[in-house]
């Protein structure tokens, strides 16, 4: 399931909810309300359902990744659960199916729109796992699409916000596509050109967050999270560029995945939800601890 990665998917959804404006405080009749609508205070049940949904969807996608890669992993990564014999392929497939069901069911309990997005995430995950993973162009784009849709799953907490912010799904697509391209050299080593290109895509992502933070007058808050995010992704990437061997690239990929939490915190702060950004950051040490016990890549 890659538990450390699953935590980052929760951060995606929380960032999407913040982008939708659901957590923006507004004062009405002397009281403190959320979502900018006095009649609609924040619903922790709604937030919880979407978080449960992304946990199920991400877990299902990761599990089926190992199911479809079982034969390849016998050669390249025999220590993984299926090729090592810790769990059968059929049992893993059933487990993945249950996770997908939980993901779509939880989203559907909130709204039909969220259910449709959850179903689209499942389709994107399976398409990547089964067919597009090893395609040099469509593989990274498809993996990025999974994250972009995950962000939109959070935004779907307010239907009208999807019409306004749907294009922000492109940013996770760019970011995850860059990590996916970098990860191509994790087993046998990679090319410096690909690593440099990944760095350029990282820079585009950072500039995008800062742009929205600036236009919404939240640049100071955003920098609190953008600076450590940049350090977390670029330091291991530069080390991998200097010596592009498998272990160094693996560390760059691992840092890129976990740094998603800081990226999502930056998004929340850019849209004025500083309290949510702080909560998202709390997920970072949880993810790091889990990454020490479970594989990230």
Protein backbone atom coordinates (compact mmCIF):
# COMPACT_ATOMS: atom_id res chain seq x y z
CA UNK A 1 0.00 0.00 0.00
CA UNK A 2 2.98 2.33 0.48
CA UNK A 3 1.53 3.96 3.63
CA UNK A 4 3.92 6.93 3.46
CA UNK A 5 2.60 7.74 -0.02
CA UNK A 6 -1.01 7.35 1.07
CA UNK A 7 -0.50 10.16 3.58
CA UNK A 8 0.49 12.46 0.72
CA UNK A 9 -2.78 11.71 -1.06
CA UNK A 10 -4.68 12.97 1.98
CA UNK A 11 -2.64 16.16 1.72
CA UNK A 12 -3.74 16.46 -1.93
CA UNK A 13 -7.40 16.38 -0.96
CA UNK A 14 -6.98 18.82 1.91
CA UNK A 15 -5.20 21.22 -0.43
CA UNK A 16 -8.04 20.87 -2.94
CA UNK A 17 -10.60 21.60 -0.24
CA UNK A 18 -8.60 24.71 0.72
CA UNK A 19 -8.43 25.84 -2.93
CA UNK A 20 -12.22 25.49 -3.14
CA UNK A 21 -12.49 28.04 -0.32
CA UNK A 22 -14.19 25.64 2.05
CA UNK A 23 -11.88 26.52 4.93
CA UNK A 24 -11.88 30.30 4.45
CA UNK A 25 -13.20 31.97 7.62
CA UNK A 26 -15.95 34.54 7.35
CA UNK A 27 -17.64 36.53 10.09
CA UNK A 28 -21.40 36.56 10.23
CA UNK A 29 -23.58 37.88 13.03
CA UNK A 30 -20.52 38.15 15.23
CA UNK A 31 -19.70 34.47 14.84
CA UNK A 32 -16.96 32.54 13.08
CA UNK A 33 -17.99 30.47 10.11
CA UNK A 34 -16.23 28.56 7.37
CA UNK A 35 -16.52 28.36 3.61
CA UNK A 36 -17.52 32.02 3.36
CA UNK A 37 -21.18 31.01 3.66
CA UNK A 38 -22.76 31.72 7.08
CA UNK A 39 -25.42 29.06 6.54
CA UNK A 40 -22.81 26.37 5.80
CA UNK A 41 -20.22 25.88 8.52
CA UNK A 42 -17.47 23.43 7.72
CA UNK A 43 -18.52 19.79 7.82
CA UNK A 44 -15.86 17.50 9.22
CA UNK A 45 -17.90 14.56 7.91
CA UNK A 46 -17.59 15.86 4.35
CA UNK A 47 -13.84 16.38 4.74
CA UNK A 48 -13.45 12.92 6.31
CA UNK A 49 -15.38 11.19 3.51
CA UNK A 50 -13.15 12.70 0.83
CA UNK A 51 -10.02 11.82 2.82
CA UNK A 52 -11.21 8.22 3.23
CA UNK A 53 -11.96 8.16 -0.48
CA UNK A 54 -8.44 9.17 -1.48
CA UNK A 55 -6.91 6.67 0.96
CA UNK A 56 -8.87 3.87 -0.71
CA UNK A 57 -8.14 5.05 -4.25
CA UNK A 58 -4.42 5.58 -3.75
CA UNK A 59 -4.04 2.27 -1.94
CA UNK A 60 -5.89 0.45 -4.72
CA UNK A 61 -3.70 2.02 -7.37
CA UNK A 62 -0.47 1.13 -5.57
CA UNK A 63 -1.59 -2.43 -4.86
CA UNK A 64 -2.54 -3.10 -8.49
CA UNK A 65 0.80 -1.63 -9.54
CA UNK A 66 2.46 -4.52 -7.72
CA UNK A 67 -0.11 -7.01 -9.03
CA UNK A 68 0.59 -6.12 -12.66
CA UNK A 69 4.35 -5.92 -12.03
CA UNK A 70 4.61 -9.23 -10.17
CA UNK A 71 6.57 -11.01 -12.92
CA UNK A 72 8.92 -8.08 -13.51
CA UNK A 73 9.49 -7.67 -9.77
CA UNK A 74 10.66 -11.28 -9.56
CA UNK A 75 13.71 -10.11 -11.50
CA UNK A 76 14.18 -6.48 -10.47
CA UNK A 77 12.73 -6.30 -6.95
CA UNK A 78 12.36 -9.82 -5.52
CA UNK A 79 12.04 -8.39 -2.00
CA UNK A 80 8.57 -7.01 -2.68
CA UNK A 81 5.58 -8.76 -1.03
CA UNK A 82 4.23 -10.66 -4.05
CA UNK A 83 7.47 -12.01 -5.59
CA UNK A 84 8.86 -12.78 -2.14
CA UNK A 85 5.82 -14.97 -1.41
CA UNK A 86 4.49 -12.96 1.53
CA UNK A 87 1.17 -12.53 -0.27
CA UNK A 88 -0.36 -14.16 -3.34
CA UNK A 89 -1.19 -12.18 -6.46
CA UNK A 90 -4.88 -13.12 -6.18
CA UNK A 91 -5.09 -11.98 -2.56
CA UNK A 92 -3.41 -8.70 -3.46
CA UNK A 93 -5.86 -8.15 -6.33
CA UNK A 94 -8.83 -8.71 -4.01
CA UNK A 95 -7.33 -6.32 -1.47
CA UNK A 96 -6.82 -3.69 -4.17
CA UNK A 97 -10.40 -4.11 -5.38
CA UNK A 98 -11.73 -3.61 -1.85
CA UNK A 99 -9.67 -0.41 -1.52
CA UNK A 100 -11.04 0.93 -4.81
CA UNK A 101 -14.59 0.15 -3.68
CA UNK A 102 -14.05 2.03 -0.42
CA UNK A 103 -12.65 4.98 -2.35
CA UNK A 104 -15.59 5.31 -4.73
CA UNK A 105 -18.22 4.49 -2.10
CA UNK A 106 -16.94 7.10 0.37
CA UNK A 107 -16.84 9.79 -2.34
CA UNK A 108 -20.37 8.84 -3.44
CA UNK A 109 -21.66 9.31 0.08
CA UNK A 110 -20.72 12.96 -0.24
CA UNK A 111 -21.86 13.81 -3.77
CA UNK A 112 -22.34 12.32 -7.26
CA UNK A 113 -19.66 14.68 -8.62
CA UNK A 114 -17.11 13.41 -6.12
CA UNK A 115 -18.07 9.82 -7.00
CA UNK A 116 -17.47 10.47 -10.72
CA UNK A 117 -14.05 11.97 -9.99
CA UNK A 118 -13.21 9.00 -7.76
CA UNK A 119 -14.18 6.61 -10.55
CA UNK A 120 -12.01 8.59 -12.98
CA UNK A 121 -9.09 8.27 -10.56
CA UNK A 122 -9.55 4.50 -10.41
CA UNK A 123 -9.62 4.26 -14.22
CA UNK A 124 -6.50 6.44 -14.47
CA UNK A 125 -4.70 4.31 -11.88
CA UNK A 126 -5.51 1.03 -13.63
CA UNK A 127 -4.62 2.47 -17.04
CA UNK A 128 -1.21 3.45 -15.72
CA UNK A 129 -0.62 0.18 -13.88
CA UNK A 130 -1.66 -2.07 -16.77
CA UNK A 131 -0.77 -0.28 -20.00
CA UNK A 132 0.92 3.12 -19.83
CA UNK A 133 3.54 2.76 -17.10
CA UNK A 134 6.44 2.10 -19.43
CA UNK A 135 5.44 4.60 -22.12
CA UNK A 136 7.97 7.43 -22.14
CA UNK A 137 5.37 10.20 -22.63
CA UNK A 138 1.92 8.95 -21.71
CA UNK A 139 3.16 7.06 -18.64
CA UNK A 140 4.34 10.15 -16.70
CA UNK A 141 1.33 12.17 -17.90
CA UNK A 142 -1.09 9.47 -16.78
CA UNK A 143 0.56 9.21 -13.37
CA UNK A 144 0.33 12.97 -13.05
CA UNK A 145 -3.33 12.84 -14.05
CA UNK A 146 -4.01 10.61 -11.04
CA UNK A 147 -2.66 13.33 -8.73
CA UNK A 148 -4.40 16.12 -10.61
CA UNK A 149 -7.74 14.35 -10.28
CA UNK A 150 -6.97 13.72 -6.62
CA UNK A 151 -6.58 17.47 -6.08
CA UNK A 152 -9.89 17.99 -7.88
CA UNK A 153 -11.50 15.40 -5.60
CA UNK A 154 -10.84 17.86 -2.79
CA UNK A 155 -12.04 20.82 -4.85
CA UNK A 156 -15.30 18.94 -5.53
CA UNK A 157 -16.37 19.64 -1.96
CA UNK A 158 -17.88 22.78 -3.55
CA UNK A 159 -19.21 21.91 -7.02
CA UNK A 160 -18.98 25.43 -8.41
CA UNK A 161 -15.30 25.63 -7.47
CA UNK A 162 -14.51 22.90 -10.00
CA UNK A 163 -15.60 25.24 -12.79
CA UNK A 164 -13.23 27.90 -11.47
CA UNK A 165 -10.12 25.91 -10.55
CA UNK A 166 -10.17 22.79 -12.76
CA UNK A 167 -7.03 23.92 -14.61
CA UNK A 168 -4.96 23.69 -11.41
CA UNK A 169 -4.99 19.92 -11.96
CA UNK A 170 -2.27 20.63 -14.54
CA UNK A 171 0.24 21.52 -11.80
CA UNK A 172 0.22 18.09 -10.09
CA UNK A 173 0.36 16.55 -13.57
CA UNK A 174 3.57 18.47 -14.28
CA UNK A 175 5.05 17.68 -10.87
CA UNK A 176 4.28 13.96 -10.82
CA UNK A 177 5.27 13.59 -14.46
CA UNK A 178 8.70 14.97 -13.53
CA UNK A 179 9.06 12.52 -10.61
CA UNK A 180 7.94 9.63 -12.82
CA UNK A 181 10.51 10.54 -15.46
CA UNK A 182 13.25 10.81 -12.84
CA UNK A 183 12.27 7.42 -11.39
CA UNK A 184 12.96 5.69 -14.72
CA UNK A 185 16.62 5.42 -13.73
CA UNK A 186 15.99 4.14 -10.22
CA UNK A 187 16.93 0.54 -10.95
CA UNK A 188 19.68 0.82 -13.55
CA UNK A 189 20.72 4.45 -13.26
CA UNK A 190 19.54 7.45 -15.27
CA UNK A 191 20.64 10.20 -17.66
CA UNK A 192 21.61 13.67 -16.50
CA UNK A 193 19.52 15.21 -19.26
CA UNK A 194 16.35 13.66 -17.86
CA UNK A 195 17.26 14.80 -14.36
CA UNK A 196 17.85 18.36 -15.55
CA UNK A 197 14.49 18.32 -17.31
CA UNK A 198 12.87 17.16 -14.08
CA UNK A 199 14.46 20.12 -12.30
CA UNK A 200 12.99 22.52 -14.87
CA UNK A 201 9.52 21.07 -14.30
CA UNK A 202 10.03 21.42 -10.53
CA UNK A 203 10.81 25.12 -11.05
CA UNK A 204 7.63 25.59 -13.11
CA UNK A 205 5.57 24.10 -10.28
CA UNK A 206 7.16 26.37 -7.68
CA UNK A 207 6.64 29.48 -9.82
CA UNK A 208 2.99 28.52 -10.35
CA UNK A 209 2.31 28.33 -6.61
CA UNK A 210 4.08 31.65 -6.02
CA UNK A 211 2.07 33.27 -8.83
CA UNK A 212 -1.27 32.35 -7.27
CA UNK A 213 -0.01 33.30 -3.82
CA UNK A 214 1.06 36.72 -5.16
CA UNK A 215 -2.23 37.39 -6.96
CA UNK A 216 -4.14 36.50 -3.79
CA UNK A 217 -1.81 38.56 -1.54
CA UNK A 218 -0.59 35.52 0.38
CA UNK A 219 3.00 35.40 -0.87
CA UNK A 220 4.56 35.68 2.60
CA UNK A 221 2.59 32.75 3.96
CA UNK A 222 3.29 30.67 0.87
CA UNK A 223 7.05 31.22 1.10
CA UNK A 224 7.01 29.61 4.56
CA UNK A 225 6.17 26.33 2.85
CA UNK A 226 7.62 26.83 -0.64
CA UNK A 227 11.20 27.33 0.60
CA UNK A 228 11.46 24.01 2.53
CA UNK A 229 9.60 22.32 -0.34
CA UNK A 230 12.23 23.56 -2.80
CA UNK A 231 15.08 22.45 -0.56
CA UNK A 232 13.54 19.02 -0.05
CA UNK A 233 13.23 18.28 -3.77
CA UNK A 234 16.28 20.05 -5.20
CA UNK A 235 19.01 18.91 -2.77
CA UNK A 236 18.63 15.16 -3.54
CA UNK A 237 18.01 15.95 -7.20
CA UNK A 238 21.32 17.83 -7.47
CA UNK A 239 23.09 14.90 -5.81
CA UNK A 240 21.52 12.56 -8.35
CA UNK A 241 22.63 14.85 -11.21
CA UNK A 242 26.21 14.77 -9.92
CA UNK A 243 26.14 10.98 -9.69
CA UNK A 244 23.10 9.51 -11.52
CA UNK A 245 23.23 6.01 -10.04
CA UNK A 246 20.16 4.05 -8.90
CA UNK A 247 20.39 4.72 -5.13
CA UNK A 248 20.79 8.49 -5.61
CA UNK A 249 17.88 8.62 -8.03
CA UNK A 250 15.81 6.54 -5.61
CA UNK A 251 16.44 9.10 -2.87
CA UNK A 252 15.45 11.93 -5.23
CA UNK A 253 12.21 10.14 -6.08
CA UNK A 254 11.45 9.40 -2.43
CA UNK A 255 12.01 13.04 -1.46
CA UNK A 256 9.86 14.19 -4.37
CA UNK A 257 6.95 12.01 -3.31
CA UNK A 258 7.05 12.94 0.37
CA UNK A 259 7.59 16.64 -0.47
CA UNK A 260 4.08 16.60 -1.97
CA UNK A 261 2.91 17.31 1.56
CA UNK A 262 4.83 20.61 1.61
CA UNK A 263 3.60 21.41 -1.90
CA UNK A 264 0.01 20.92 -0.76
CA UNK A 265 0.64 23.05 2.33
CA UNK A 266 1.96 25.75 0.00
CA UNK A 267 -1.24 25.55 -2.06
CA UNK A 268 -3.40 25.88 1.04
CA UNK A 269 -1.43 28.90 2.28
CA UNK A 270 -1.50 30.48 -1.20
CA UNK A 271 -5.29 30.39 -1.04
CA UNK A 272 -5.43 31.89 2.44
CA UNK A 273 -6.02 28.73 4.49
CA UNK A 274 -2.94 29.02 6.70
CA UNK A 275 -4.48 26.89 9.45
CA UNK A 276 -5.05 24.06 6.98
CA UNK A 277 -1.49 24.45 5.67
CA UNK A 278 -0.15 23.95 9.18
CA UNK A 279 -2.32 20.86 9.63
CA UNK A 280 -1.06 19.45 6.32
CA UNK A 281 2.54 19.97 7.42
CA UNK A 282 1.83 17.87 10.51
CA UNK A 283 1.35 14.98 8.08
CA UNK A 284 4.99 15.31 6.96
CA UNK A 285 6.67 13.66 9.98
CA UNK A 286 4.02 10.94 9.86
CA UNK A 287 4.87 10.22 6.24
CA UNK A 288 8.62 10.31 6.93
CA UNK A 289 8.26 7.84 9.81
CA UNK A 290 6.18 5.51 7.65
CA UNK A 291 8.76 5.78 4.85
CA UNK A 292 11.36 4.29 7.20
CA UNK A 293 9.23 1.20 7.70
CA UNK A 294 7.59 0.80 4.27
CA UNK A 295 8.76 1.22 0.68
CA UNK A 296 7.99 4.54 -1.03
CA UNK A 297 8.99 3.56 -4.58
